[in-house]
Structures are given as structure tokens and as C-alpha cells.
PDB file of all heavy atoms in Angstrom:
ATOM      1  N   ASN A   1      32.228  55.222  -9.668  1.00  0.00           N
ATOM      2  CA  ASN A   1      32.784  54.907  -8.361  1.00  0.00           C
ATOM      3  C   ASN A   1      32.855  53.394  -8.140  1.00  0.00           C
ATOM      4  O   ASN A   1      33.902  52.856  -7.770  1.00  0.00           O
ATOM      5  CB  ASN A   1      31.897  55.561  -7.277  1.00  0.00           C
ATOM      6  CG  ASN A   1      32.567  55.596  -5.925  1.00  0.00           C
ATOM      7  OD1 ASN A   1      33.779  55.665  -5.819  1.00  0.00           O
ATOM      8  ND2 ASN A   1      31.776  55.542  -4.873  1.00  0.00           N
ATOM      9  N   ARG A   2      31.743  52.687  -8.429  1.00  0.00           N
ATOM     10  CA  ARG A   2      31.746  51.232  -8.237  1.00  0.00           C
ATOM     11  C   ARG A   2      32.689  50.558  -9.233  1.00  0.00           C
ATOM     12  O   ARG A   2      33.316  49.542  -8.926  1.00  0.00           O
ATOM     13  CB  ARG A   2      30.331  50.657  -8.344  1.00  0.00           C
ATOM     14  CG  ARG A   2      29.432  51.063  -7.180  1.00  0.00           C
ATOM     15  CD  ARG A   2      28.218  50.162  -6.990  1.00  0.00           C
ATOM     16  NE  ARG A   2      27.144  50.386  -7.924  1.00  0.00           N
ATOM     17  CZ  ARG A   2      26.197  51.318  -7.825  1.00  0.00           C
ATOM     18  NH1 ARG A   2      26.216  52.175  -6.804  1.00  0.00           N
ATOM     19  NH2 ARG A   2      25.235  51.424  -8.707  1.00  0.00           N
ATOM     20  N   SER A   3      32.784  51.149 -10.424  1.00  0.00           N
ATOM     21  CA  SER A   3      33.708  50.594 -11.448  1.00  0.00           C
ATOM     22  C   SER A   3      35.165  50.735 -10.996  1.00  0.00           C
ATOM     23  O   SER A   3      35.981  49.834 -11.207  1.00  0.00           O
ATOM     24  CB  SER A   3      33.532  51.305 -12.781  1.00  0.00           C
ATOM     25  OG  SER A   3      32.231  51.110 -13.255  1.00  0.00           O
ATOM     26  N   SER A   4      35.480  51.879 -10.382  1.00  0.00           N
ATOM     27  CA  SER A   4      36.847  52.108  -9.902  1.00  0.00           C
ATOM     28  C   SER A   4      37.172  51.114  -8.813  1.00  0.00           C
ATOM     29  O   SER A   4      38.297  50.589  -8.757  1.00  0.00           O
ATOM     30  CB  SER A   4      36.982  53.552  -9.373  1.00  0.00           C
ATOM     31  OG  SER A   4      36.637  54.471 -10.392  1.00  0.00           O
ATOM     32  N   MET A   5      36.190  50.827  -7.927  1.00  0.00           N
ATOM     33  CA  MET A   5      36.438  49.856  -6.860  1.00  0.00           C
ATOM     34  C   MET A   5      36.507  48.433  -7.408  1.00  0.00           C
ATOM     35  O   MET A   5      37.193  47.581  -6.837  1.00  0.00           O
ATOM     36  CB  MET A   5      35.381  50.002  -5.770  1.00  0.00           C
ATOM     37  CG  MET A   5      35.617  51.250  -4.926  1.00  0.00           C
ATOM     38  SD  MET A   5      34.513  51.382  -3.531  1.00  0.00           S
ATOM     39  CE  MET A   5      33.063  52.051  -4.304  1.00  0.00           C
ATOM     40  N   THR A   6      35.818  48.186  -8.527  1.00  0.00           N
ATOM     41  CA  THR A   6      35.924  46.881  -9.203  1.00  0.00           C
ATOM     42  C   THR A   6      37.358  46.675  -9.669  1.00  0.00           C
ATOM     43  O   THR A   6      37.950  45.611  -9.473  1.00  0.00           O
ATOM     44  CB  THR A   6      34.968  46.819 -10.413  1.00  0.00           C
ATOM     45  OG1 THR A   6      33.639  47.045  -9.950  1.00  0.00           O
ATOM     46  CG2 THR A   6      35.036  45.500 -11.151  1.00  0.00           C
ATOM     47  N   PHE A   7      37.913  47.728 -10.263  1.00  0.00           N
ATOM     48  CA  PHE A   7      39.306  47.712 -10.740  1.00  0.00           C
ATOM     49  C   PHE A   7      40.255  47.401  -9.591  1.00  0.00           C
ATOM     50  O   PHE A   7      41.150  46.555  -9.685  1.00  0.00           O
ATOM     51  CB  PHE A   7      39.624  49.064 -11.386  1.00  0.00           C
ATOM     52  CG  PHE A   7      41.071  49.252 -11.772  1.00  0.00           C
ATOM     53  CD1 PHE A   7      41.571  48.624 -12.910  1.00  0.00           C
ATOM     54  CD2 PHE A   7      41.917  50.048 -11.016  1.00  0.00           C
ATOM     55  CE1 PHE A   7      42.898  48.802 -13.286  1.00  0.00           C
ATOM     56  CE2 PHE A   7      43.236  50.221 -11.376  1.00  0.00           C
ATOM     57  CZ  PHE A   7      43.739  49.596 -12.515  1.00  0.00           C
ATOM     58  N   LEU A   8      40.055  48.098  -8.453  1.00  0.00           N
ATOM     59  CA  LEU A   8      40.930  47.926  -7.285  1.00  0.00           C
ATOM     60  C   LEU A   8      40.771  46.521  -6.675  1.00  0.00           C
ATOM     61  O   LEU A   8      41.737  45.918  -6.212  1.00  0.00           O
ATOM     62  CB  LEU A   8      40.629  48.997  -6.237  1.00  0.00           C
ATOM     63  CG  LEU A   8      40.891  50.454  -6.699  1.00  0.00           C
ATOM     64  CD1 LEU A   8      40.302  51.455  -5.714  1.00  0.00           C
ATOM     65  CD2 LEU A   8      42.372  50.707  -6.893  1.00  0.00           C
ATOM     66  N   THR A   9      39.536  46.015  -6.687  1.00  0.00           N
ATOM     67  CA  THR A   9      39.268  44.663  -6.164  1.00  0.00           C
ATOM     68  C   THR A   9      39.971  43.621  -7.018  1.00  0.00           C
ATOM     69  O   THR A   9      40.608  42.694  -6.514  1.00  0.00           O
ATOM     70  CB  THR A   9      37.744  44.394  -6.161  1.00  0.00           C
ATOM     71  OG1 THR A   9      37.108  45.354  -5.318  1.00  0.00           O
ATOM     72  CG2 THR A   9      37.412  43.001  -5.685  1.00  0.00           C
ATOM     73  N   ARG A  10      39.862  43.774  -8.349  1.00  0.00           N
ATOM     74  CA  ARG A  10      40.515  42.829  -9.245  1.00  0.00           C
ATOM     75  C   ARG A  10      42.041  42.858  -9.033  1.00  0.00           C
ATOM     76  O   ARG A  10      42.697  41.809  -9.036  1.00  0.00           O
ATOM     77  CB  ARG A  10      40.174  43.184 -10.697  1.00  0.00           C
ATOM     78  CG  ARG A  10      38.776  42.749 -11.103  1.00  0.00           C
ATOM     79  CD  ARG A  10      38.372  43.291 -12.459  1.00  0.00           C
ATOM     80  NE  ARG A  10      37.098  42.722 -12.921  1.00  0.00           N
ATOM     81  CZ  ARG A  10      36.284  43.301 -13.779  1.00  0.00           C
ATOM     82  NH1 ARG A  10      36.603  44.487 -14.309  1.00  0.00           N
ATOM     83  NH2 ARG A  10      35.144  42.724 -14.154  1.00  0.00           N
ATOM     84  N   GLN A  11      42.583  44.061  -8.795  1.00  0.00           N
ATOM     85  CA  GLN A  11      44.015  44.176  -8.555  1.00  0.00           C
ATOM     86  C   GLN A  11      44.415  43.444  -7.269  1.00  0.00           C
ATOM     87  O   GLN A  11      45.410  42.730  -7.242  1.00  0.00           O
ATOM     88  CB  GLN A  11      44.394  45.653  -8.419  1.00  0.00           C
ATOM     89  CG  GLN A  11      44.609  46.341  -9.753  1.00  0.00           C
ATOM     90  CD  GLN A  11      45.345  47.658  -9.543  1.00  0.00           C
ATOM     91  OE1 GLN A  11      45.116  48.381  -8.578  1.00  0.00           O
ATOM     92  NE2 GLN A  11      46.235  47.986 -10.449  1.00  0.00           N
ATOM     93  N   ALA A  12      43.620  43.662  -6.209  1.00  0.00           N
ATOM     94  CA  ALA A  12      43.931  43.045  -4.910  1.00  0.00           C
ATOM     95  C   ALA A  12      43.929  41.534  -5.013  1.00  0.00           C
ATOM     96  O   ALA A  12      44.828  40.850  -4.495  1.00  0.00           O
ATOM     97  CB  ALA A  12      42.923  43.517  -3.857  1.00  0.00           C
ATOM     98  N   PHE A  13      42.925  40.963  -5.694  1.00  0.00           N
ATOM     99  CA  PHE A  13      42.834  39.501  -5.845  1.00  0.00           C
ATOM    100  C   PHE A  13      43.980  38.971  -6.711  1.00  0.00           C
ATOM    101  O   PHE A  13      44.608  37.959  -6.377  1.00  0.00           O
ATOM    102  CB  PHE A  13      41.494  39.105  -6.461  1.00  0.00           C
ATOM    103  CG  PHE A  13      40.416  38.813  -5.444  1.00  0.00           C
ATOM    104  CD1 PHE A  13      39.847  39.815  -4.695  1.00  0.00           C
ATOM    105  CD2 PHE A  13      39.988  37.501  -5.214  1.00  0.00           C
ATOM    106  CE1 PHE A  13      38.852  39.565  -3.765  1.00  0.00           C
ATOM    107  CE2 PHE A  13      39.008  37.222  -4.277  1.00  0.00           C
ATOM    108  CZ  PHE A  13      38.433  38.253  -3.550  1.00  0.00           C
ATOM    109  N   ALA A  14      44.237  39.663  -7.820  1.00  0.00           N
ATOM    110  CA  ALA A  14      45.276  39.200  -8.741  1.00  0.00           C
ATOM    111  C   ALA A  14      46.640  39.145  -8.037  1.00  0.00           C
ATOM    112  O   ALA A  14      47.405  38.193  -8.176  1.00  0.00           O
ATOM    113  CB  ALA A  14      45.349  40.126  -9.957  1.00  0.00           C
ATOM    114  N   LYS A  15      46.891  40.175  -7.214  1.00  0.00           N
ATOM    115  CA  LYS A  15      48.154  40.269  -6.482  1.00  0.00           C
ATOM    116  C   LYS A  15      48.259  39.123  -5.470  1.00  0.00           C
ATOM    117  O   LYS A  15      49.287  38.435  -5.376  1.00  0.00           O
ATOM    118  CB  LYS A  15      48.161  41.628  -5.772  1.00  0.00           C
ATOM    119  CG  LYS A  15      49.532  42.112  -5.368  1.00  0.00           C
ATOM    120  CD  LYS A  15      49.396  43.582  -4.966  1.00  0.00           C
ATOM    121  CE  LYS A  15      50.565  44.025  -4.120  1.00  0.00           C
ATOM    122  NZ  LYS A  15      50.324  45.372  -3.581  1.00  0.00           N
ATOM    123  N   GLN A  16      47.170  38.911  -4.735  1.00  0.00           N
ATOM    124  CA  GLN A  16      47.182  37.891  -3.678  1.00  0.00           C
ATOM    125  C   GLN A  16      47.356  36.473  -4.260  1.00  0.00           C
ATOM    126  O   GLN A  16      48.065  35.653  -3.699  1.00  0.00           O
ATOM    127  CB  GLN A  16      45.883  37.966  -2.862  1.00  0.00           C
ATOM    128  CG  GLN A  16      45.790  36.977  -1.710  1.00  0.00           C
ATOM    129  CD  GLN A  16      46.871  37.205  -0.647  1.00  0.00           C
ATOM    130  OE1 GLN A  16      47.022  38.312  -0.152  1.00  0.00           O
ATOM    131  NE2 GLN A  16      47.645  36.165  -0.356  1.00  0.00           N
ATOM    132  N   PHE A  17      46.703  36.228  -5.409  1.00  0.00           N
ATOM    133  CA  PHE A  17      46.738  34.875  -5.965  1.00  0.00           C
ATOM    134  C   PHE A  17      47.733  34.742  -7.114  1.00  0.00           C
ATOM    135  O   PHE A  17      47.758  33.728  -7.820  1.00  0.00           O
ATOM    136  CB  PHE A  17      45.330  34.436  -6.393  1.00  0.00           C
ATOM    137  CG  PHE A  17      44.421  34.237  -5.220  1.00  0.00           C
ATOM    138  CD1 PHE A  17      43.518  35.221  -4.838  1.00  0.00           C
ATOM    139  CD2 PHE A  17      44.501  33.063  -4.466  1.00  0.00           C
ATOM    140  CE1 PHE A  17      42.702  35.051  -3.727  1.00  0.00           C
ATOM    141  CE2 PHE A  17      43.681  32.874  -3.348  1.00  0.00           C
ATOM    142  CZ  PHE A  17      42.775  33.867  -2.980  1.00  0.00           C
ATOM    143  N   ASN A  18      48.555  35.802  -7.286  1.00  0.00           N
ATOM    144  CA  ASN A  18      49.606  35.782  -8.291  1.00  0.00           C
ATOM    145  C   ASN A  18      49.054  35.320  -9.641  1.00  0.00           C
ATOM    146  O   ASN A  18      49.553  34.401 -10.270  1.00  0.00           O
ATOM    147  CB  ASN A  18      50.738  34.853  -7.807  1.00  0.00           C
ATOM    148  CG  ASN A  18      52.019  35.173  -8.551  1.00  0.00           C
ATOM    149  OD1 ASN A  18      52.118  36.217  -9.202  1.00  0.00           O
ATOM    150  ND2 ASN A  18      52.973  34.282  -8.480  1.00  0.00           N
ATOM    151  N   SER A  19      47.964  35.990 -10.048  1.00  0.00           N
ATOM    152  CA  SER A  19      47.248  35.583 -11.269  1.00  0.00           C
ATOM    153  C   SER A  19      46.764  36.846 -11.954  1.00  0.00           C
ATOM    154  O   SER A  19      47.204  37.958 -11.646  1.00  0.00           O
ATOM    155  CB  SER A  19      46.078  34.683 -10.832  1.00  0.00           C
ATOM    156  OG  SER A  19      45.382  34.217 -11.960  1.00  0.00           O
ATOM    157  N   THR A  20      45.836  36.697 -12.890  1.00  0.00           N
ATOM    158  CA  THR A  20      45.219  37.870 -13.530  1.00  0.00           C
ATOM    159  C   THR A  20      43.721  37.839 -13.208  1.00  0.00           C
ATOM    160  O   THR A  20      43.158  36.750 -13.029  1.00  0.00           O
ATOM    161  CB  THR A  20      45.389  37.879 -15.057  1.00  0.00           C
ATOM    162  OG1 THR A  20      44.663  36.754 -15.578  1.00  0.00           O
ATOM    163  CG2 THR A  20      46.848  37.781 -15.451  1.00  0.00           C
ATOM    164  N   PRO A  21      43.064  39.003 -13.177  1.00  0.00           N
ATOM    165  CA  PRO A  21      41.614  39.022 -12.941  1.00  0.00           C
ATOM    166  C   PRO A  21      40.870  38.145 -13.953  1.00  0.00           C
ATOM    167  O   PRO A  21      39.891  37.487 -13.619  1.00  0.00           O
ATOM    168  CB  PRO A  21      41.227  40.488 -13.117  1.00  0.00           C
ATOM    169  CG  PRO A  21      42.480  41.249 -12.806  1.00  0.00           C
ATOM    170  CD  PRO A  21      43.600  40.373 -13.294  1.00  0.00           C
ATOM    171  N   ASP A  22      41.391  38.105 -15.190  1.00  0.00           N
ATOM    172  CA  ASP A  22      40.765  37.293 -16.258  1.00  0.00           C
ATOM    173  C   ASP A  22      40.846  35.809 -15.904  1.00  0.00           C
ATOM    174  O   ASP A  22      39.867  35.085 -16.001  1.00  0.00           O
ATOM    175  CB  ASP A  22      41.509  37.578 -17.564  1.00  0.00           C
ATOM    176  CG  ASP A  22      40.584  37.467 -18.748  1.00  0.00           C
ATOM    177  OD1 ASP A  22      39.379  37.298 -18.523  1.00  0.00           O
ATOM    178  OD2 ASP A  22      41.064  37.553 -19.899  1.00  0.00           O
ATOM    179  N   ASP A  23      42.045  35.369 -15.496  1.00  0.00           N
ATOM    180  CA  ASP A  23      42.215  33.952 -15.153  1.00  0.00           C
ATOM    181  C   ASP A  23      41.421  33.587 -13.903  1.00  0.00           C
ATOM    182  O   ASP A  23      41.068  32.427 -13.707  1.00  0.00           O
ATOM    183  CB  ASP A  23      43.708  33.625 -14.924  1.00  0.00           C
ATOM    184  CG  ASP A  23      44.455  33.565 -16.245  1.00  0.00           C
ATOM    185  OD1 ASP A  23      43.791  33.427 -17.301  1.00  0.00           O
ATOM    186  OD2 ASP A  23      45.691  33.694 -16.244  1.00  0.00           O
ATOM    187  N   LEU A  24      41.149  34.586 -13.056  1.00  0.00           N
ATOM    188  CA  LEU A  24      40.322  34.319 -11.854  1.00  0.00           C
ATOM    189  C   LEU A  24      38.826  34.444 -12.169  1.00  0.00           C
ATOM    190  O   LEU A  24      37.990  34.324 -11.278  1.00  0.00           O
ATOM    191  CB  LEU A  24      40.702  35.308 -10.732  1.00  0.00           C
ATOM    192  CG  LEU A  24      42.104  35.155 -10.141  1.00  0.00           C
ATOM    193  CD1 LEU A  24      42.438  36.320  -9.205  1.00  0.00           C
ATOM    194  CD2 LEU A  24      42.235  33.827  -9.389  1.00  0.00           C
ATOM    195  N   ASP A  25      38.509  34.721 -13.437  1.00  0.00           N
ATOM    196  CA  ASP A  25      37.114  34.808 -13.900  1.00  0.00           C
ATOM    197  C   ASP A  25      36.333  35.880 -13.126  1.00  0.00           C
ATOM    198  O   ASP A  25      35.177  35.666 -12.739  1.00  0.00           O
ATOM    199  CB  ASP A  25      36.422  33.442 -13.781  1.00  0.00           C
ATOM    200  CG  ASP A  25      35.081  33.402 -14.502  1.00  0.00           C
ATOM    201  OD1 ASP A  25      34.965  34.060 -15.550  1.00  0.00           O
ATOM    202  OD2 ASP A  25      34.120  32.762 -14.018  1.00  0.00           O
ATOM    203  N   MET A  26      36.963  37.043 -12.899  1.00  0.00           N
ATOM    204  CA  MET A  26      36.336  38.072 -12.056  1.00  0.00           C
ATOM    205  C   MET A  26      35.366  38.949 -12.842  1.00  0.00           C
ATOM    206  O   MET A  26      35.555  40.158 -13.012  1.00  0.00           O
ATOM    207  CB  MET A  26      37.402  38.914 -11.345  1.00  0.00           C
ATOM    208  CG  MET A  26      38.200  38.070 -10.349  1.00  0.00           C
ATOM    209  SD  MET A  26      39.283  39.054  -9.326  1.00  0.00           S
ATOM    210  CE  MET A  26      38.148  39.788  -8.155  1.00  0.00           C
ATOM    211  N   HIS A  27      34.308  38.300 -13.328  1.00  0.00           N
ATOM    212  CA  HIS A  27      33.298  39.008 -14.126  1.00  0.00           C
ATOM    213  C   HIS A  27      32.252  39.642 -13.234  1.00  0.00           C
ATOM    214  O   HIS A  27      31.943  39.128 -12.137  1.00  0.00           O
ATOM    215  CB  HIS A  27      32.620  38.041 -15.102  1.00  0.00           C
ATOM    216  CG  HIS A  27      33.508  37.719 -16.274  1.00  0.00           C
ATOM    217  ND1 HIS A  27      33.526  38.493 -17.418  1.00  0.00           N
ATOM    218  CD2 HIS A  27      34.394  36.736 -16.471  1.00  0.00           C
ATOM    219  CE1 HIS A  27      34.400  37.984 -18.271  1.00  0.00           C
ATOM    220  NE2 HIS A  27      34.943  36.919 -17.721  1.00  0.00           N
ATOM    221  N   VAL A  28      31.676  40.746 -13.720  1.00  0.00           N
ATOM    222  CA  VAL A  28      30.554  41.366 -13.007  1.00  0.00           C
ATOM    223  C   VAL A  28      29.289  40.549 -13.309  1.00  0.00           C
ATOM    224  O   VAL A  28      28.927  40.376 -14.459  1.00  0.00           O
ATOM    225  CB  VAL A  28      30.343  42.838 -13.477  1.00  0.00           C
ATOM    226  CG1 VAL A  28      29.056  43.414 -12.897  1.00  0.00           C
ATOM    227  CG2 VAL A  28      31.532  43.713 -13.072  1.00  0.00           C
ATOM    228  N   ILE A  29      28.657  40.017 -12.243  1.00  0.00           N
ATOM    229  CA  ILE A  29      27.377  39.313 -12.436  1.00  0.00           C
ATOM    230  C   ILE A  29      26.296  40.350 -12.768  1.00  0.00           C
ATOM    231  O   ILE A  29      25.573  40.239 -13.736  1.00  0.00           O
ATOM    232  CB  ILE A  29      26.999  38.493 -11.168  1.00  0.00           C
ATOM    233  CG1 ILE A  29      27.953  37.292 -11.043  1.00  0.00           C
ATOM    234  CG2 ILE A  29      25.543  38.035 -11.235  1.00  0.00           C
ATOM    235  CD1 ILE A  29      27.710  36.421  -9.827  1.00  0.00           C
ATOM    236  N   TYR A  30      26.237  41.399 -11.933  1.00  0.00           N
ATOM    237  CA  TYR A  30      25.290  42.485 -12.218  1.00  0.00           C
ATOM    238  C   TYR A  30      25.585  43.663 -11.298  1.00  0.00           C
ATOM    239  O   TYR A  30      26.300  43.533 -10.286  1.00  0.00           O
ATOM    240  CB  TYR A  30      23.834  42.015 -12.037  1.00  0.00           C
ATOM    241  CG  TYR A  30      22.850  42.791 -12.905  1.00  0.00           C
ATOM    242  CD1 TYR A  30      23.015  42.836 -14.293  1.00  0.00           C
ATOM    243  CD2 TYR A  30      21.778  43.479 -12.350  1.00  0.00           C
ATOM    244  CE1 TYR A  30      22.134  43.564 -15.092  1.00  0.00           C
ATOM    245  CE2 TYR A  30      20.890  44.209 -13.153  1.00  0.00           C
ATOM    246  CZ  TYR A  30      21.084  44.228 -14.525  1.00  0.00           C
ATOM    247  OH  TYR A  30      20.216  44.955 -15.328  1.00  0.00           O
ATOM    248  N   ASP A  31      25.059  44.816 -11.663  1.00  0.00           N
ATOM    249  CA  ASP A  31      25.158  46.027 -10.843  1.00  0.00           C
ATOM    250  C   ASP A  31      23.794  46.682 -10.850  1.00  0.00           C
ATOM    251  O   ASP A  31      23.256  46.990 -11.924  1.00  0.00           O
ATOM    252  CB  ASP A  31      26.227  46.971 -11.468  1.00  0.00           C
ATOM    253  CG  ASP A  31      26.363  48.296 -10.724  1.00  0.00           C
ATOM    254  OD1 ASP A  31      25.330  49.001 -10.570  1.00  0.00           O
ATOM    255  OD2 ASP A  31      27.474  48.674 -10.325  1.00  0.00           O
ATOM    256  N   VAL A  32      23.204  46.845  -9.660  1.00  0.00           N
ATOM    257  CA  VAL A  32      21.868  47.464  -9.579  1.00  0.00           C
ATOM    258  C   VAL A  32      21.890  48.687  -8.670  1.00  0.00           C
ATOM    259  O   VAL A  32      22.657  48.756  -7.716  1.00  0.00           O
ATOM    260  CB  VAL A  32      20.784  46.497  -9.039  1.00  0.00           C
ATOM    261  CG1 VAL A  32      20.411  45.449 -10.042  1.00  0.00           C
ATOM    262  CG2 VAL A  32      21.207  45.859  -7.724  1.00  0.00           C
ATOM    263  N   SER A  33      21.000  49.589  -9.014  1.00  0.00           N
ATOM    264  CA  SER A  33      20.835  50.804  -8.202  1.00  0.00           C
ATOM    265  C   SER A  33      19.639  50.597  -7.285  1.00  0.00           C
ATOM    266  O   SER A  33      18.668  49.955  -7.657  1.00  0.00           O
ATOM    267  CB  SER A  33      20.545  51.958  -9.151  1.00  0.00           C
ATOM    268  OG  SER A  33      20.036  53.036  -8.415  1.00  0.00           O
ATOM    269  N   HIS A  34      19.696  51.165  -6.058  1.00  0.00           N
ATOM    270  CA  HIS A  34      18.480  51.141  -5.250  1.00  0.00           C
ATOM    271  C   HIS A  34      18.089  52.508  -4.678  1.00  0.00           C
ATOM    272  O   HIS A  34      17.359  52.594  -3.698  1.00  0.00           O
ATOM    273  CB  HIS A  34      18.532  50.047  -4.150  1.00  0.00           C
ATOM    274  CG  HIS A  34      19.760  50.059  -3.293  1.00  0.00           C
ATOM    275  ND1 HIS A  34      20.522  48.924  -3.093  1.00  0.00           N
ATOM    276  CD2 HIS A  34      20.335  51.036  -2.572  1.00  0.00           C
ATOM    277  CE1 HIS A  34      21.522  49.222  -2.277  1.00  0.00           C
ATOM    278  NE2 HIS A  34      21.433  50.489  -1.951  1.00  0.00           N
ATOM    279  N   ASN A  35      18.600  53.581  -5.300  1.00  0.00           N
ATOM    280  CA  ASN A  35      18.157  54.952  -4.961  1.00  0.00           C
ATOM    281  C   ASN A  35      18.144  55.780  -6.226  1.00  0.00           C
ATOM    282  O   ASN A  35      19.138  56.427  -6.571  1.00  0.00           O
ATOM    283  CB  ASN A  35      19.177  55.607  -3.982  1.00  0.00           C
ATOM    284  CG  ASN A  35      18.923  55.272  -2.533  1.00  0.00           C
ATOM    285  OD1 ASN A  35      18.015  54.532  -2.196  1.00  0.00           O
ATOM    286  ND2 ASN A  35      19.750  55.815  -1.644  1.00  0.00           N
ATOM    287  N   ILE A  36      17.025  55.758  -6.954  1.00  0.00           N
ATOM    288  CA  ILE A  36      17.047  56.412  -8.275  1.00  0.00           C
ATOM    289  C   ILE A  36      15.615  56.670  -8.756  1.00  0.00           C
ATOM    290  O   ILE A  36      14.670  56.054  -8.276  1.00  0.00           O
ATOM    291  CB  ILE A  36      17.825  55.494  -9.275  1.00  0.00           C
ATOM    292  CG1 ILE A  36      18.420  56.314 -10.419  1.00  0.00           C
ATOM    293  CG2 ILE A  36      16.987  54.330  -9.756  1.00  0.00           C
ATOM    294  CD1 ILE A  36      19.590  55.630 -11.101  1.00  0.00           C
ATOM    295  N   ALA A  37      15.480  57.615  -9.683  1.00  0.00           N
ATOM    296  CA  ALA A  37      14.178  57.837 -10.350  1.00  0.00           C
ATOM    297  C   ALA A  37      14.426  57.732 -11.855  1.00  0.00           C
ATOM    298  O   ALA A  37      15.358  58.370 -12.368  1.00  0.00           O
ATOM    299  CB  ALA A  37      13.628  59.212  -9.997  1.00  0.00           C
ATOM    300  N   LYS A  38      13.603  56.922 -12.533  1.00  0.00           N
ATOM    301  CA  LYS A  38      13.853  56.710 -13.970  1.00  0.00           C
ATOM    302  C   LYS A  38      12.534  56.637 -14.745  1.00  0.00           C
ATOM    303  O   LYS A  38      11.516  56.192 -14.207  1.00  0.00           O
ATOM    304  CB  LYS A  38      14.595  55.391 -14.182  1.00  0.00           C
ATOM    305  CG  LYS A  38      16.033  55.475 -13.676  1.00  0.00           C
ATOM    306  CD  LYS A  38      16.878  54.336 -14.187  1.00  0.00           C
ATOM    307  CE  LYS A  38      16.252  53.016 -13.903  1.00  0.00           C
ATOM    308  NZ  LYS A  38      17.165  51.899 -14.141  1.00  0.00           N
ATOM    309  N   ILE A  39      12.605  57.064 -16.003  1.00  0.00           N
ATOM    310  CA  ILE A  39      11.417  56.983 -16.875  1.00  0.00           C
ATOM    311  C   ILE A  39      11.354  55.572 -17.454  1.00  0.00           C
ATOM    312  O   ILE A  39      12.328  55.107 -18.079  1.00  0.00           O
ATOM    313  CB  ILE A  39      11.485  58.050 -17.981  1.00  0.00           C
ATOM    314  CG1 ILE A  39      11.466  59.452 -17.352  1.00  0.00           C
ATOM    315  CG2 ILE A  39      10.332  57.890 -18.974  1.00  0.00           C
ATOM    316  CD1 ILE A  39      11.792  60.584 -18.286  1.00  0.00           C
ATOM    317  N   GLU A  40      10.258  54.894 -17.209  1.00  0.00           N
ATOM    318  CA  GLU A  40      10.071  53.511 -17.685  1.00  0.00           C
ATOM    319  C   GLU A  40       8.653  53.359 -18.243  1.00  0.00           C
ATOM    320  O   GLU A  40       7.757  54.143 -17.884  1.00  0.00           O
ATOM    321  CB  GLU A  40      10.236  52.513 -16.519  1.00  0.00           C
ATOM    322  CG  GLU A  40      11.636  52.509 -15.943  1.00  0.00           C
ATOM    323  CD  GLU A  40      11.753  51.670 -14.665  1.00  0.00           C
ATOM    324  OE1 GLU A  40      10.729  51.105 -14.193  1.00  0.00           O
ATOM    325  OE2 GLU A  40      12.881  51.599 -14.123  1.00  0.00           O
TER     326      GLU A  40
END
């Protein structure tokens, strides 16, 4: 879900600035969960 919205966000910015997400350096800094149970 968050990945799909990342795709849509990159599209919106690229369209507005007449560029590409790559040229705008739209990299993911990080993605964290805050509702989860995991074996660690």
C-alpha cells in the first residue's frame, strides 16, 4: 500500500516539475512499522 502511494507521489511530483522522479532524487529514506509483532 505504501509502495503504491510512493509510485503515485513520484508521478505527481514528476508531472508538476516536468521532470522524472529519478532526476528529482525521490529516494526512500526509510519505511518503518509501528503496529507489529516480530521475532527478534
